[in-house]
């Protein structure tokens, strides 16, 4: 999760290219599969993918947290969400290979109570609880919405270390 330090602290989302094998045309958070060069630290993978997809240099990102590992049932992949704060006015450059677009959603809209809701239609179809976030014409669902829900719960927890770390990086 890449969050801009400048107000309104937009969380960056990408629109994945239609030709990709995995999650073609879907909205997601920047990221991807670990490469051997990343070593064993998920933060290295997150920073490399952010650079590949959006041209953001790791020098412009302060890693401030990580969320619990999530399992993606369809692909059997495990995902470790990394939270990073981007320097103010960091430009995004769409790579046009993996990513066809990018947009932001204000952090406050994501952590607002009831912003991320259960998506009953998808929950019934998949047989498990699925979540969604709808904002400004964007429908975010699946694993991405589950990551957002995990983030929002950690953010809204009393004495949230994640919230303190993120807010400290905004200064």
C-alpha atoms as a PDB file:
ATOM      1  CA  UNK A   1       0.000   0.000   0.000  1.00  0.00           C
ATOM      2  CA  UNK A   2       1.579   3.218  -1.163  1.00  0.00           C
ATOM      3  CA  UNK A   3       0.154   6.314   0.558  1.00  0.00           C
ATOM      4  CA  UNK A   4       1.065   9.850  -0.454  1.00  0.00           C
ATOM      5  CA  UNK A   5       2.474  11.981   2.376  1.00  0.00           C
ATOM      6  CA  UNK A   6       0.718  15.052   0.977  1.00  0.00           C
ATOM      7  CA  UNK A   7      -2.921  15.666   1.791  1.00  0.00           C
ATOM      8  CA  UNK A   8      -5.431  14.081   1.162  1.00  0.00           C
ATOM      9  CA  UNK A   9      -2.984  11.182   1.636  1.00  0.00           C
ATOM     10  CA  UNK A  10      -4.147   9.254  -1.400  1.00  0.00           C
ATOM     11  CA  UNK A  11      -3.693   5.492  -1.446  1.00  0.00           C
ATOM     12  CA  UNK A  12      -2.378   4.404  -4.847  1.00  0.00           C
ATOM     13  CA  UNK A  13      -4.249   1.824  -6.920  1.00  0.00           C
ATOM     14  CA  UNK A  14      -3.297   0.410 -10.307  1.00  0.00           C
ATOM     15  CA  UNK A  15      -5.363  -0.829 -13.211  1.00  0.00           C
ATOM     16  CA  UNK A  16      -3.736  -4.005 -14.457  1.00  0.00           C
ATOM     17  CA  UNK A  17      -3.211  -4.566 -18.174  1.00  0.00           C
ATOM     18  CA  UNK A  18      -5.799  -6.679 -19.989  1.00  0.00           C
ATOM     19  CA  UNK A  19      -3.228  -9.095 -21.474  1.00  0.00           C
ATOM     20  CA  UNK A  20      -1.797 -10.314 -18.155  1.00  0.00           C
ATOM     21  CA  UNK A  21      -2.249 -13.943 -17.061  1.00  0.00           C
ATOM     22  CA  UNK A  22      -3.208 -13.021 -13.490  1.00  0.00           C
ATOM     23  CA  UNK A  23      -5.896 -10.491 -12.573  1.00  0.00           C
ATOM     24  CA  UNK A  24      -6.076  -9.036 -16.069  1.00  0.00           C
ATOM     25  CA  UNK A  25      -7.911  -5.710 -16.218  1.00  0.00           C
ATOM     26  CA  UNK A  26      -8.521  -5.630 -12.474  1.00  0.00           C
ATOM     27  CA  UNK A  27      -7.864  -2.910  -9.946  1.00  0.00           C
ATOM     28  CA  UNK A  28      -5.270  -3.679  -7.321  1.00  0.00           C
ATOM     29  CA  UNK A  29      -2.533  -2.276  -5.171  1.00  0.00           C
ATOM     30  CA  UNK A  30       0.962  -2.020  -6.638  1.00  0.00           C
ATOM     31  CA  UNK A  31       2.859  -5.235  -6.041  1.00  0.00           C
ATOM     32  CA  UNK A  32       3.572  -8.657  -7.365  1.00  0.00           C
ATOM     33  CA  UNK A  33       5.424 -11.909  -7.038  1.00  0.00           C
ATOM     34  CA  UNK A  34       8.819 -12.052  -5.340  1.00  0.00           C
ATOM     35  CA  UNK A  35      11.897 -12.310  -7.492  1.00  0.00           C
ATOM     36  CA  UNK A  36      15.025 -14.146  -6.277  1.00  0.00           C
ATOM     37  CA  UNK A  37      16.878 -10.800  -6.329  1.00  0.00           C
ATOM     38  CA  UNK A  38      14.439  -9.506  -3.670  1.00  0.00           C
ATOM     39  CA  UNK A  39      15.777 -11.927  -1.070  1.00  0.00           C
ATOM     40  CA  UNK A  40      13.390 -12.973   1.677  1.00  0.00           C
ATOM     41  CA  UNK A  41      12.078  -9.528   2.655  1.00  0.00           C
ATOM     42  CA  UNK A  42       8.608  -8.750   1.263  1.00  0.00           C
ATOM     43  CA  UNK A  43       9.436  -5.025   1.495  1.00  0.00           C
ATOM     44  CA  UNK A  44      12.110  -5.495  -1.186  1.00  0.00           C
ATOM     45  CA  UNK A  45       9.510  -7.063  -3.478  1.00  0.00           C
ATOM     46  CA  UNK A  46       7.025  -4.264  -2.794  1.00  0.00           C
ATOM     47  CA  UNK A  47       9.602  -1.546  -3.527  1.00  0.00           C
ATOM     48  CA  UNK A  48      10.795  -3.252  -6.719  1.00  0.00           C
ATOM     49  CA  UNK A  49       7.239  -3.729  -7.981  1.00  0.00           C
ATOM     50  CA  UNK A  50       6.305  -0.120  -7.153  1.00  0.00           C
ATOM     51  CA  UNK A  51       9.270   1.003  -9.224  1.00  0.00           C
ATOM     52  CA  UNK A  52       8.479  -1.344 -12.126  1.00  0.00           C
ATOM     53  CA  UNK A  53       4.763  -0.518 -12.262  1.00  0.00           C
ATOM     54  CA  UNK A  54       4.783   3.189 -11.421  1.00  0.00           C
ATOM     55  CA  UNK A  55       8.384   4.393 -11.706  1.00  0.00           C
ATOM     56  CA  UNK A  56       8.657   5.261  -7.999  1.00  0.00           C
ATOM     57  CA  UNK A  57      12.220   5.083  -6.720  1.00  0.00           C
ATOM     58  CA  UNK A  58      12.685   3.323  -3.383  1.00  0.00           C
ATOM     59  CA  UNK A  59      14.407   6.512  -2.143  1.00  0.00           C
ATOM     60  CA  UNK A  60      10.992   8.236  -2.303  1.00  0.00           C
ATOM     61  CA  UNK A  61       9.278   5.637  -0.067  1.00  0.00           C
ATOM     62  CA  UNK A  62       9.397   5.187   3.683  1.00  0.00           C
ATOM     63  CA  UNK A  63       8.295   1.670   4.638  1.00  0.00           C
ATOM     64  CA  UNK A  64       6.236   2.099   7.822  1.00  0.00           C
ATOM     65  CA  UNK A  65       4.535  -1.235   8.355  1.00  0.00           C
ATOM     66  CA  UNK A  66       3.423  -4.593   7.164  1.00  0.00           C
ATOM     67  CA  UNK A  67       0.104  -6.336   7.534  1.00  0.00           C
ATOM     68  CA  UNK A  68      -0.415 -10.001   8.353  1.00  0.00           C
ATOM     69  CA  UNK A  69       0.130 -12.418   5.492  1.00  0.00           C
ATOM     70  CA  UNK A  70      -3.029 -13.186   3.529  1.00  0.00           C
ATOM     71  CA  UNK A  71      -3.731 -16.278   1.463  1.00  0.00           C
ATOM     72  CA  UNK A  72      -5.251 -15.925  -2.008  1.00  0.00           C
ATOM     73  CA  UNK A  73      -7.498 -18.969  -2.401  1.00  0.00           C
ATOM     74  CA  UNK A  74      -7.732 -18.904  -6.210  1.00  0.00           C
ATOM     75  CA  UNK A  75      -3.998 -18.712  -6.941  1.00  0.00           C
ATOM     76  CA  UNK A  76      -2.719 -20.337  -3.708  1.00  0.00           C
ATOM     77  CA  UNK A  77      -0.312 -17.418  -3.282  1.00  0.00           C
ATOM     78  CA  UNK A  78       0.498 -15.872   0.059  1.00  0.00           C
ATOM     79  CA  UNK A  79       0.605 -12.074   0.114  1.00  0.00           C
ATOM     80  CA  UNK A  80       2.344  -9.876   2.688  1.00  0.00           C
ATOM     81  CA  UNK A  81       0.989  -6.332   2.350  1.00  0.00           C
ATOM     82  CA  UNK A  82       3.670  -3.694   2.927  1.00  0.00           C
ATOM     83  CA  UNK A  83       2.666  -0.136   3.867  1.00  0.00           C
ATOM     84  CA  UNK A  84       4.818   2.701   2.573  1.00  0.00           C
ATOM     85  CA  UNK A  85       4.496   6.475   2.563  1.00  0.00           C
ATOM     86  CA  UNK A  86       5.532   8.280  -0.623  1.00  0.00           C
ATOM     87  CA  UNK A  87       7.359  11.598  -0.458  1.00  0.00           C
ATOM     88  CA  UNK A  88       5.171  14.622  -1.254  1.00  0.00           C
ATOM     89  CA  UNK A  89       4.631  15.223  -4.982  1.00  0.00           C
ATOM     90  CA  UNK A  90       6.106  11.875  -6.020  1.00  0.00           C
ATOM     91  CA  UNK A  91       5.329  11.440  -9.718  1.00  0.00           C
ATOM     92  CA  UNK A  92       3.754   8.222 -10.976  1.00  0.00           C
ATOM     93  CA  UNK A  93       4.816   6.944 -14.389  1.00  0.00           C
ATOM     94  CA  UNK A  94       2.605   4.176 -15.768  1.00  0.00           C
ATOM     95  CA  UNK A  95       4.729   1.400 -17.283  1.00  0.00           C
ATOM     96  CA  UNK A  96       2.076   0.470 -19.917  1.00  0.00           C
ATOM     97  CA  UNK A  97       3.222  -3.181 -19.757  1.00  0.00           C
ATOM     98  CA  UNK A  98       1.757  -4.453 -16.487  1.00  0.00           C
ATOM     99  CA  UNK A  99      -0.164  -1.303 -15.611  1.00  0.00           C
ATOM    100  CA  UNK A 100      -2.515   0.705 -17.819  1.00  0.00           C
ATOM    101  CA  UNK A 101      -3.573   3.307 -15.262  1.00  0.00           C
ATOM    102  CA  UNK A 102      -3.306   4.509 -11.694  1.00  0.00           C
ATOM    103  CA  UNK A 103      -5.505   6.515  -9.367  1.00  0.00           C
ATOM    104  CA  UNK A 104      -5.728   7.370  -5.693  1.00  0.00           C
ATOM    105  CA  UNK A 105      -8.418   7.158  -3.056  1.00  0.00           C
ATOM    106  CA  UNK A 106      -8.094   9.404   0.007  1.00  0.00           C
ATOM    107  CA  UNK A 107      -6.924   7.504   3.064  1.00  0.00           C
ATOM    108  CA  UNK A 108      -9.852   8.882   5.083  1.00  0.00           C
ATOM    109  CA  UNK A 109     -12.306   7.284   2.631  1.00  0.00           C
ATOM    110  CA  UNK A 110     -10.696   3.872   3.128  1.00  0.00           C
ATOM    111  CA  UNK A 111     -10.497   3.921   6.930  1.00  0.00           C
ATOM    112  CA  UNK A 112     -13.974   5.416   7.399  1.00  0.00           C
ATOM    113  CA  UNK A 113     -16.374   3.206   9.314  1.00  0.00           C
ATOM    114  CA  UNK A 114     -18.278   0.886   6.957  1.00  0.00           C
ATOM    115  CA  UNK A 115     -16.297   2.010   3.887  1.00  0.00           C
ATOM    116  CA  UNK A 116     -15.279  -1.555   3.172  1.00  0.00           C
ATOM    117  CA  UNK A 117     -18.371  -3.699   3.190  1.00  0.00           C
ATOM    118  CA  UNK A 118     -19.217  -7.309   2.633  1.00  0.00           C
ATOM    119  CA  UNK A 119     -19.977  -7.975  -1.035  1.00  0.00           C
ATOM    120  CA  UNK A 120     -22.954 -10.372  -0.674  1.00  0.00           C
ATOM    121  CA  UNK A 121     -23.226 -11.371  -4.325  1.00  0.00           C
ATOM    122  CA  UNK A 122     -19.584 -12.415  -4.553  1.00  0.00           C
ATOM    123  CA  UNK A 123     -19.702 -13.960  -1.062  1.00  0.00           C
ATOM    124  CA  UNK A 124     -22.590 -16.215  -2.097  1.00  0.00           C
ATOM    125  CA  UNK A 125     -20.931 -17.127  -5.404  1.00  0.00           C
ATOM    126  CA  UNK A 126     -17.592 -18.012  -3.796  1.00  0.00           C
ATOM    127  CA  UNK A 127     -18.896 -19.517  -0.573  1.00  0.00           C
ATOM    128  CA  UNK A 128     -16.706 -17.271   1.582  1.00  0.00           C
ATOM    129  CA  UNK A 129     -16.956 -13.746   2.913  1.00  0.00           C
ATOM    130  CA  UNK A 130     -15.753 -11.256   0.304  1.00  0.00           C
ATOM    131  CA  UNK A 131     -15.402  -7.501   0.675  1.00  0.00           C
ATOM    132  CA  UNK A 132     -15.667  -4.474  -1.569  1.00  0.00           C
ATOM    133  CA  UNK A 133     -14.951  -0.757  -1.583  1.00  0.00           C
ATOM    134  CA  UNK A 134     -16.788   1.517  -3.993  1.00  0.00           C
ATOM    135  CA  UNK A 135     -15.356   4.975  -4.537  1.00  0.00           C
ATOM    136  CA  UNK A 136     -15.768   7.481  -7.355  1.00  0.00           C
ATOM    137  CA  UNK A 137     -16.876   4.864  -9.883  1.00  0.00           C
ATOM    138  CA  UNK A 138     -14.198   2.328  -8.898  1.00  0.00           C
ATOM    139  CA  UNK A 139     -15.274  -1.075  -7.554  1.00  0.00           C
ATOM    140  CA  UNK A 140     -12.483  -2.701  -5.584  1.00  0.00           C
ATOM    141  CA  UNK A 141     -13.076  -6.278  -4.496  1.00  0.00           C
ATOM    142  CA  UNK A 142     -11.414  -9.621  -3.835  1.00  0.00           C
ATOM    143  CA  UNK A 143      -7.992  -9.859  -2.235  1.00  0.00           C
ATOM    144  CA  UNK A 144      -7.406  -6.127  -2.672  1.00  0.00           C
ATOM    145  CA  UNK A 145     -10.535  -5.312  -0.671  1.00  0.00           C
ATOM    146  CA  UNK A 146      -9.520  -7.859   1.965  1.00  0.00           C
ATOM    147  CA  UNK A 147      -6.135  -6.124   2.285  1.00  0.00           C
ATOM    148  CA  UNK A 148      -7.922  -2.791   2.653  1.00  0.00           C
ATOM    149  CA  UNK A 149     -10.185  -4.247   5.331  1.00  0.00           C
ATOM    150  CA  UNK A 150      -7.184  -5.600   7.236  1.00  0.00           C
ATOM    151  CA  UNK A 151      -5.490  -2.198   6.904  1.00  0.00           C
ATOM    152  CA  UNK A 152      -8.596  -0.292   8.059  1.00  0.00           C
ATOM    153  CA  UNK A 153      -9.024  -2.575  11.078  1.00  0.00           C
ATOM    154  CA  UNK A 154      -5.370  -2.091  12.063  1.00  0.00           C
ATOM    155  CA  UNK A 155      -5.665   1.676  11.493  1.00  0.00           C
ATOM    156  CA  UNK A 156      -8.817   1.991  13.587  1.00  0.00           C
ATOM    157  CA  UNK A 157      -7.599  -0.187  16.457  1.00  0.00           C
ATOM    158  CA  UNK A 158      -7.137   1.601  19.756  1.00  0.00           C
ATOM    159  CA  UNK A 159      -3.494   2.713  20.139  1.00  0.00           C
ATOM    160  CA  UNK A 160      -2.777   1.653  16.544  1.00  0.00           C
ATOM    161  CA  UNK A 161       0.961   1.336  15.924  1.00  0.00           C
ATOM    162  CA  UNK A 162       0.281   1.326  12.174  1.00  0.00           C
ATOM    163  CA  UNK A 163      -1.664   4.615  12.348  1.00  0.00           C
ATOM    164  CA  UNK A 164       1.109   6.205  14.461  1.00  0.00           C
ATOM    165  CA  UNK A 165       3.801   5.073  12.018  1.00  0.00           C
ATOM    166  CA  UNK A 166       1.905   6.301   8.952  1.00  0.00           C
ATOM    167  CA  UNK A 167       1.014   9.655  10.503  1.00  0.00           C
ATOM    168  CA  UNK A 168       4.614  10.175  11.672  1.00  0.00           C
ATOM    169  CA  UNK A 169       5.768   9.709   8.062  1.00  0.00           C
ATOM    170  CA  UNK A 170       3.380  12.441   6.881  1.00  0.00           C
ATOM    171  CA  UNK A 171       5.462  15.100   8.657  1.00  0.00           C
END
